[in-house]
Structure formats: structure tokens, C-alpha cells
Protein backbone atom coordinates (compact mmCIF):
# COMPACT_ATOMS: atom_id res chain seq x y z
CA MET A 1 24.72 -4.78 -22.07
CA ILE A 2 21.07 -4.15 -22.96
CA ARG A 3 20.45 -7.84 -23.57
CA LEU A 4 22.02 -8.70 -20.22
CA TYR A 5 19.85 -6.08 -18.53
CA LEU A 6 16.73 -7.51 -20.16
CA LYS A 7 17.69 -11.01 -19.05
CA VAL A 8 17.97 -9.80 -15.46
CA ILE A 9 14.57 -8.15 -15.79
CA ALA A 10 13.14 -11.34 -17.27
CA ILE A 11 14.23 -13.26 -14.19
CA ALA A 12 12.61 -10.64 -12.00
CA LEU A 13 9.43 -10.74 -14.05
CA GLY A 14 9.25 -14.48 -13.61
CA VAL A 15 8.89 -13.87 -9.88
CA VAL A 16 6.67 -10.82 -10.17
CA LEU A 17 4.29 -12.16 -12.78
CA PHE A 18 4.22 -15.93 -12.27
CA ALA A 19 1.50 -15.99 -14.93
CA SER A 20 -1.59 -13.85 -15.35
CA VAL A 21 -2.17 -12.75 -11.77
CA PRO A 22 -5.86 -12.20 -10.88
CA ALA A 23 -7.15 -8.77 -9.94
CA PHE A 24 -7.14 -9.36 -6.20
CA ALA A 25 -4.06 -11.56 -5.97
CA ASP A 26 -1.61 -11.30 -3.10
CA GLU A 27 1.16 -9.36 -4.83
CA LYS A 28 3.33 -9.04 -1.73
CA THR A 29 4.82 -12.53 -1.91
CA ALA A 30 7.56 -13.73 -4.21
CA ASN A 31 7.12 -17.39 -3.28
CA PRO A 32 5.56 -19.30 -6.20
CA GLU A 33 3.52 -21.38 -3.75
CA ASP A 34 2.04 -18.16 -2.37
CA ASN A 35 1.10 -16.82 -5.80
CA PRO A 36 -2.57 -17.11 -6.78
CA ALA A 37 -1.48 -17.42 -10.39
CA ALA A 38 -0.49 -20.99 -9.61
CA ALA A 39 -4.10 -21.77 -8.83
CA GLU A 40 -5.31 -20.08 -12.01
CA GLU A 41 -2.80 -21.79 -14.26
CA ALA A 42 -3.23 -25.22 -12.69
CA PRO A 43 -6.27 -26.46 -14.61
CA ALA A 44 -4.76 -25.62 -18.00
CA ALA A 45 -1.43 -27.12 -17.00
CA ALA A 46 -3.05 -30.35 -15.85
CA LYS A 47 -4.53 -31.13 -19.25
CA ASP A 48 -1.92 -29.15 -21.19
CA GLU A 49 -4.66 -28.23 -23.69
CA PRO A 50 -7.03 -25.29 -24.22
CA THR A 51 -9.91 -25.02 -21.78
CA ALA A 52 -13.44 -24.00 -22.73
CA ALA A 53 -12.88 -20.63 -21.08
CA GLU A 54 -9.79 -20.07 -23.20
CA GLU A 55 -11.66 -20.84 -26.40
CA THR A 56 -14.57 -18.48 -25.66
CA PRO A 57 -13.12 -15.06 -26.70
CA ALA A 58 -13.25 -14.23 -30.37
CA ALA A 59 -9.82 -14.14 -31.99
CA GLY A 60 -10.21 -10.52 -33.01
CA VAL A 61 -11.20 -9.43 -29.52
CA ASP A 62 -8.62 -11.39 -27.56
CA PRO A 63 -6.15 -12.93 -30.01
CA VAL A 64 -3.88 -15.85 -29.18
CA VAL A 65 -0.28 -14.67 -28.77
CA ALA A 66 1.36 -18.03 -28.05
CA THR A 67 0.57 -21.72 -27.62
CA VAL A 68 2.26 -24.12 -25.25
CA ASN A 69 1.70 -27.78 -26.08
CA GLY A 70 -1.66 -26.78 -27.50
CA ALA A 71 -2.73 -24.52 -24.63
CA GLU A 72 -3.39 -20.91 -25.66
CA ILE A 73 -2.00 -17.74 -24.11
CA ARG A 74 -4.07 -14.72 -25.07
CA LEU A 75 -3.36 -11.03 -25.34
CA SER A 76 -5.59 -10.27 -22.34
CA GLN A 77 -3.25 -12.33 -20.14
CA VAL A 78 -0.27 -10.33 -21.36
CA GLU A 79 -2.09 -7.05 -20.72
CA GLU A 80 -3.09 -8.15 -17.23
CA ALA A 81 0.51 -9.10 -16.48
CA ARG A 82 1.80 -5.78 -17.79
CA ALA A 83 -0.66 -3.85 -15.61
CA ARG A 84 0.92 -5.48 -12.56
CA LEU A 85 4.51 -4.69 -13.42
CA PRO A 86 6.51 -2.76 -10.81
CA VAL A 87 6.87 0.91 -11.69
CA ARG A 88 10.60 0.55 -12.35
CA PHE A 89 9.90 -1.77 -15.31
CA LYS A 90 7.21 0.33 -16.99
CA GLY A 91 9.71 2.66 -18.64
CA LEU A 92 11.18 -0.13 -20.77
CA PRO A 93 10.38 -0.20 -24.51
CA GLU A 94 7.00 -1.76 -25.24
CA GLY A 95 8.49 -4.31 -27.59
CA ALA A 96 10.96 -5.56 -25.01
CA ILE A 97 8.32 -5.73 -22.28
CA TYR A 98 5.89 -7.61 -24.55
CA GLY A 99 8.40 -10.34 -25.29
CA LEU A 100 9.38 -10.68 -21.65
CA LEU A 101 5.77 -10.95 -20.56
CA VAL A 102 4.86 -13.56 -23.14
CA ASN A 103 7.93 -15.65 -22.32
CA SER A 104 7.28 -15.32 -18.61
CA LEU A 105 3.75 -16.65 -19.12
CA ILE A 106 5.12 -19.50 -21.25
CA ASP A 107 7.69 -20.40 -18.58
CA THR A 108 5.06 -20.37 -15.88
CA HIS A 109 2.78 -22.61 -17.90
CA LEU A 110 5.58 -25.10 -18.59
CA MET A 111 6.69 -25.22 -14.96
CA ALA A 112 3.14 -25.52 -13.66
CA ALA A 113 2.45 -28.37 -16.08
CA GLU A 114 5.64 -30.16 -15.00
CA ALA A 115 4.80 -29.64 -11.32
CA ARG A 116 1.38 -31.20 -11.84
CA ARG A 117 2.94 -34.08 -13.79
CA LYS A 118 5.02 -34.73 -10.67
CA ASN A 119 1.86 -34.44 -8.53
CA LEU A 120 3.30 -31.58 -6.52
CA HIS A 121 -0.17 -30.04 -6.41
CA GLU A 122 -1.28 -32.98 -4.27
CA GLY A 123 1.11 -32.11 -1.44
CA LYS A 124 -0.28 -31.04 1.94
CA ASN A 125 1.71 -27.81 2.02
CA PHE A 126 0.57 -26.86 -1.49
CA LYS A 127 -3.07 -27.51 -0.64
CA ARG A 128 -2.73 -25.48 2.56
CA GLN A 129 -1.28 -22.57 0.61
CA ILE A 130 -4.03 -22.81 -2.02
CA LYS A 131 -6.65 -22.75 0.73
CA ARG A 132 -5.08 -19.63 2.25
CA ILE A 133 -4.82 -17.92 -1.13
CA THR A 134 -8.40 -18.86 -2.00
CA ASN A 135 -9.64 -17.32 1.25
CA GLN A 136 -7.67 -14.14 0.54
CA LEU A 137 -9.09 -13.92 -2.98
CA LEU A 138 -12.62 -14.48 -1.72
CA GLU A 139 -12.11 -11.82 0.95
CA ARG A 140 -10.87 -9.26 -1.56
CA THR A 141 -13.49 -10.15 -4.14
CA LEU A 142 -16.26 -9.77 -1.56
CA LEU A 143 -14.88 -6.40 -0.48
CA ALA A 144 -14.60 -5.30 -4.10
CA VAL A 145 -18.27 -6.15 -4.66
CA ARG A 146 -19.26 -4.33 -1.47
CA LEU A 147 -17.22 -1.26 -2.43
CA GLU A 148 -18.66 -1.23 -5.94
CA GLN A 149 -22.12 -1.13 -4.40
CA GLY A 150 -21.25 1.53 -1.82
CA LEU A 151 -18.96 3.86 -3.79
CA SER A 152 -21.59 5.56 -5.89
CA GLU A 153 -21.19 9.17 -6.92
CA ASP A 154 -24.00 10.15 -4.54
CA ALA A 155 -22.35 8.31 -1.64
CA ILE A 156 -19.03 10.04 -2.32
CA LYS A 157 -20.75 13.44 -2.46
CA LYS A 158 -22.55 12.79 0.82
CA ARG A 159 -19.27 11.81 2.48
CA TYR A 160 -17.68 14.94 1.03
CA ASP A 161 -20.44 17.10 2.56
CA LYS A 162 -19.72 15.51 5.94
CA TYR A 163 -16.00 16.16 5.49
CA ALA A 164 -16.70 19.79 4.56
CA LYS A 165 -18.82 20.30 7.70
CA GLU A 166 -16.15 18.67 9.87
CA THR A 167 -13.49 20.87 8.33
CA ALA A 168 -15.40 24.14 8.72
CA GLY A 169 -14.41 26.07 11.83
CA ARG A 170 -11.12 24.27 12.39
CA ILE A 171 -7.94 26.27 12.68
CA GLU A 172 -4.82 25.53 10.68
CA VAL A 173 -1.36 26.76 11.55
CA ARG A 174 1.70 27.13 9.41
CA ALA A 175 4.75 26.23 11.43
CA ARG A 176 8.46 25.67 11.11
CA HIS A 177 10.49 23.36 13.29
CA ILE A 178 14.05 22.38 13.97
CA LEU A 179 14.34 18.68 14.76
CA VAL A 180 17.38 17.45 16.69
CA ASP A 181 18.13 14.29 18.66
CA ASP A 182 19.61 16.06 21.68
CA LYS A 183 17.66 18.16 24.20
CA ASP A 184 20.67 20.30 25.13
CA LEU A 185 21.24 21.21 21.48
CA ALA A 186 17.57 22.18 21.19
CA LYS A 187 17.98 24.46 24.23
CA GLU A 188 21.09 26.06 22.69
CA ILE A 189 19.12 26.81 19.52
CA ILE A 190 16.35 28.45 21.55
CA VAL A 191 18.97 30.62 23.25
CA LYS A 192 20.24 31.70 19.83
CA LEU A 193 16.70 32.51 18.71
CA LYS A 194 16.16 34.64 21.80
CA ALA A 195 19.33 36.50 20.91
CA GLY A 196 17.93 37.31 17.45
CA GLY A 197 19.08 34.26 15.49
CA ASP A 198 17.43 33.50 12.16
CA PHE A 199 15.11 30.48 12.49
CA ILE A 200 15.40 29.46 8.83
CA GLU A 201 19.20 29.45 8.85
CA LEU A 202 19.33 27.59 12.17
CA ALA A 203 16.94 24.97 10.76
CA LYS A 204 19.06 24.50 7.66
CA LYS A 205 22.17 24.11 9.81
CA HIS A 206 20.90 21.90 12.64
CA SER A 207 17.65 20.15 11.74
CA ILE A 208 17.79 16.43 10.94
CA GLY A 209 14.22 16.44 9.58
CA PRO A 210 13.33 16.27 5.87
CA SER A 211 12.13 19.89 5.97
CA ALA A 212 15.58 21.20 6.90
CA SER A 213 16.36 22.36 3.35
CA SER A 214 13.24 24.58 3.37
CA GLY A 215 14.08 26.12 6.72
CA GLY A 216 11.89 23.67 8.65
CA ASP A 217 8.70 24.75 6.85
CA LEU A 218 5.85 22.28 7.47
CA GLY A 219 3.17 24.25 5.66
CA PHE A 220 -0.37 24.50 7.02
CA PHE A 221 -1.79 21.64 9.06
CA THR A 222 -4.67 20.95 11.42
CA LYS A 223 -4.27 19.83 15.01
CA ASN A 224 -4.97 16.16 14.34
CA GLN A 225 -2.37 15.90 11.59
CA MET A 226 0.65 16.03 13.89
CA ALA A 227 1.81 14.19 16.98
CA PRO A 228 -0.24 15.39 19.98
CA GLU A 229 2.78 16.83 21.80
CA PHE A 230 3.79 18.80 18.73
CA SER A 231 0.27 20.01 17.93
CA ASN A 232 -0.46 21.09 21.51
CA ALA A 233 2.66 23.25 21.53
CA ALA A 234 2.18 24.67 18.04
CA PHE A 235 -1.49 25.59 18.50
CA ALA A 236 -0.70 27.33 21.79
CA LEU A 237 1.65 29.80 20.03
CA ALA A 238 0.66 33.09 18.44
CA GLU A 239 1.80 34.10 14.99
CA GLY A 240 5.53 34.83 14.96
CA GLU A 241 6.20 33.13 18.31
CA PHE A 242 8.52 30.21 18.93
CA ALA A 243 8.35 27.70 21.79
CA GLN A 244 10.44 28.65 24.78
CA GLU A 245 11.20 25.00 25.60
CA PRO A 246 12.05 22.00 23.38
CA ILE A 247 9.14 19.67 22.60
CA LYS A 248 9.73 15.92 22.76
CA THR A 249 8.05 13.49 20.33
CA ARG A 250 9.01 10.03 19.15
CA PHE A 251 10.99 11.68 16.36
CA GLY A 252 13.25 13.65 18.67
CA TRP A 253 13.36 17.16 20.12
CA HIS A 254 11.61 20.01 18.30
CA VAL A 255 12.06 23.76 18.35
CA ILE A 256 8.79 25.14 16.98
CA LYS A 257 7.84 28.47 15.47
CA VAL A 258 4.37 29.43 14.20
CA GLU A 259 4.34 31.56 11.07
CA ALA A 260 0.57 32.01 10.60
CA ASN A 261 -2.84 30.60 11.39
CA ARG A 262 -6.12 30.61 9.47
CA PRO A 263 -9.56 29.00 9.42
CA SER A 264 -9.48 25.62 7.72
CA LYS A 265 -11.25 25.39 4.36
CA ALA A 266 -12.47 22.21 2.68
CA GLN A 267 -10.91 21.38 -0.68
CA PRO A 268 -13.23 21.59 -3.71
CA PHE A 269 -15.08 18.34 -4.39
CA GLU A 270 -13.14 17.39 -7.53
CA LYS A 271 -9.81 17.92 -5.82
CA ALA A 272 -10.81 16.05 -2.69
CA LYS A 273 -12.71 13.26 -4.47
CA GLY A 274 -9.83 10.77 -4.48
CA LYS A 275 -9.15 11.26 -0.79
CA ILE A 276 -12.86 11.06 0.08
CA SER A 277 -13.26 7.87 -1.98
CA ALA A 278 -10.38 6.25 -0.11
CA LEU A 279 -11.80 7.37 3.23
CA LEU A 280 -15.26 6.07 2.34
CA SER A 281 -13.78 2.78 1.12
CA ASN A 282 -12.11 2.24 4.50
CA GLU A 283 -15.32 3.10 6.33
CA ILE A 284 -17.39 0.73 4.18
CA ALA A 285 -14.91 -2.12 4.58
CA SER A 286 -14.50 -1.71 8.34
CA GLY A 287 -18.26 -1.33 8.84
CA TYR A 288 -18.98 -4.46 6.80
CA LEU A 289 -16.42 -6.43 8.77
CA LYS A 290 -18.04 -5.30 12.02
CA GLU A 291 -21.40 -6.55 10.73
CA LEU A 292 -19.91 -9.95 9.90
CA ARG A 293 -18.20 -10.20 13.27
CA PHE A 294 -21.38 -9.23 15.10
CA ALA A 295 -23.35 -11.96 13.31
CA ALA A 296 -20.68 -14.63 13.80
CA LYS A 297 -19.96 -16.91 16.72
CA ILE A 298 -16.25 -16.40 17.41
CA ASN A 299 -14.21 -18.23 20.00
CA ILE A 300 -10.57 -17.20 20.35
CA ILE A 301 -8.48 -19.84 22.08
CA LEU A 302 -5.38 -18.42 23.73
CA PRO A 303 -2.10 -20.32 23.34
CA PRO A 304 -0.95 -22.34 26.37
CA ALA A 305 1.16 -20.48 28.92
CA PRO A 306 4.94 -20.99 28.56
CA GLN A 307 6.39 -23.57 30.93
CA GLN A 308 9.06 -22.87 33.52
CA ALA A 309 12.08 -25.15 33.89
CA GLY A 310 10.33 -27.11 36.64
CA GLY A 311 7.26 -27.77 34.51
CA ALA A 312 4.94 -25.22 36.18
CA PRO A 313 3.39 -22.44 34.06
CA ALA A 314 5.43 -19.24 34.10
CA LYS A 315 3.97 -16.36 36.11
């Protein structure tokens, strides 16, 4: 049973890994033609012999773990492949994973070499895919360089100070809600609350939201963290009050009760650092892209209008 399970995983790894995937590869695709590893493995597969780059590392630093028709597969390639495993595979024994990774890299090398022997790499579709993948890798590499330059400790601290100032003075509320998909049911629940019904028990019984088991408790949140309709209603209530009418959002109908409110307080720097780094990364990337767009000459050509049955453009 275990061997069968490992074989199934090995097949999956062949799709996931498809050789030593580069750091900024497009990991969302399972199509071998869409996998940047194909581009990386191609040169070695073409000659089916070690390249100069492969021979550079010292054996003790990056030892050879397998050879395929003379071409070397090194430990660093196995480690890179392991780092990109889906979470569900990382709990497997290290010995089993190691063997699967090495064999997956061997299989990829063999298939890439055979594909090149058949000149499949000369096909128009393959070249088009390589061009797309190359552009994606260049895009991500450029952004990585930009982020490395911009994400200094000082820059993160400055962005944290801005976040702390923005947070100061805001009000947070702690609210509960009962989410239902029918307005009439929401009104019935409000009637029960007016008659002295227990909000927590009614939430556990009727709410279809994920917070139902905790009595509809949403914890503390600021006004911009919820849907506008929900936030407007919640922040208009005093502590202990519930909305007298159901509130409609894209999720359904809400019965809202506010438990408490308080001034918002910024998280300590070390606790907020990860979130601030991600926020700053997005700001750096979007700002850089705006600079590139501003400096570029861009002409967007709209597709032709669809034709009516008679041949005239549709209106």
C-alpha cells in the first residue's frame, strides 16, 4: 500500500517538479510546455553531457547525486525541487522524498533529451511558450531585484511609522452577526431579539456564516475591513445594540449586534513586520510599473466589433 501511494506521489511530482524549477518560475501550470524547467533543462538535454555551469561547483559543496548519459544532477537541484513541493507532500519521510525527487529529475532529463532529439523544441508552439515563459521570468526577476533594493529594514520601519499614524485615532468595533439568505428570516430573528432572545444561540441555530459556531463573533475590526453596507450599519450602533433592520451585502442578509468599541492601536513593529513588508512590496511593485508605463509608448488596439448576420457591425 505504501509503495503504491509513493508511486502515485511520484507521478504527481513529475508534474509538479518537471526538473529543477527556477526561483521565479510559473508554478501555476501543470503543462510541461508551460514549465520554465523545460527551458532550463534544454541545453543539458541537447548535448546530453555536463555543461560548464554544472562542473563549476566543488563536489563537497554541491555533490553529484546522479548522472544521466554523462550529464550530472546535483544535490542543489534536488533541494530546489524539494523546496517547491506542495505542502501535502512535505510530511513524507525524507528518504522517500529524496528518491522521488532524484528520479523525477532523471525522468525529466531523459524526456527533455528525447524531445530535443525529435526536434520538438523547434516547433512554433514550443518557441511561443518559451518566449512567454522567458518574459514572465524576466518580469519576476526584475521585480525581485527592485524589491531587494527597496525592502531595506529602514524602508520597512518608515512604512510601519506611516501605518501606525494611519491607525491612530481609528475606531474598532467588536460585532456579532447572523447571516441568512432570506430577508424574511432575518426579520423574524430581529423580532425574537426584541422579545429577549439570546443573540449567540440564535446565531448558532440560524447563521450560515463561518462564525456561526462562535455565536457570530467577528472580533474587532476597523471600518474599511468589512463590506461598506455592513460597516456603515455596525459603526452606527452603540455598544450592546443590534440593528433594527436586516442589512444586505453580497453574502446575504445580516442581523448585526455590536458588543464593544475601542480606539484602534497599531501592532508592535515585530508583530506587524510581515504584513508591512507585504504591503510595501505591493506598493513598490505597483509604483515601479507605473513608472515604466509612464515612460513607454503604449497603443492598445481594440478587437474588431462583432458582425451581425447581415454583415454590419453589431450595435
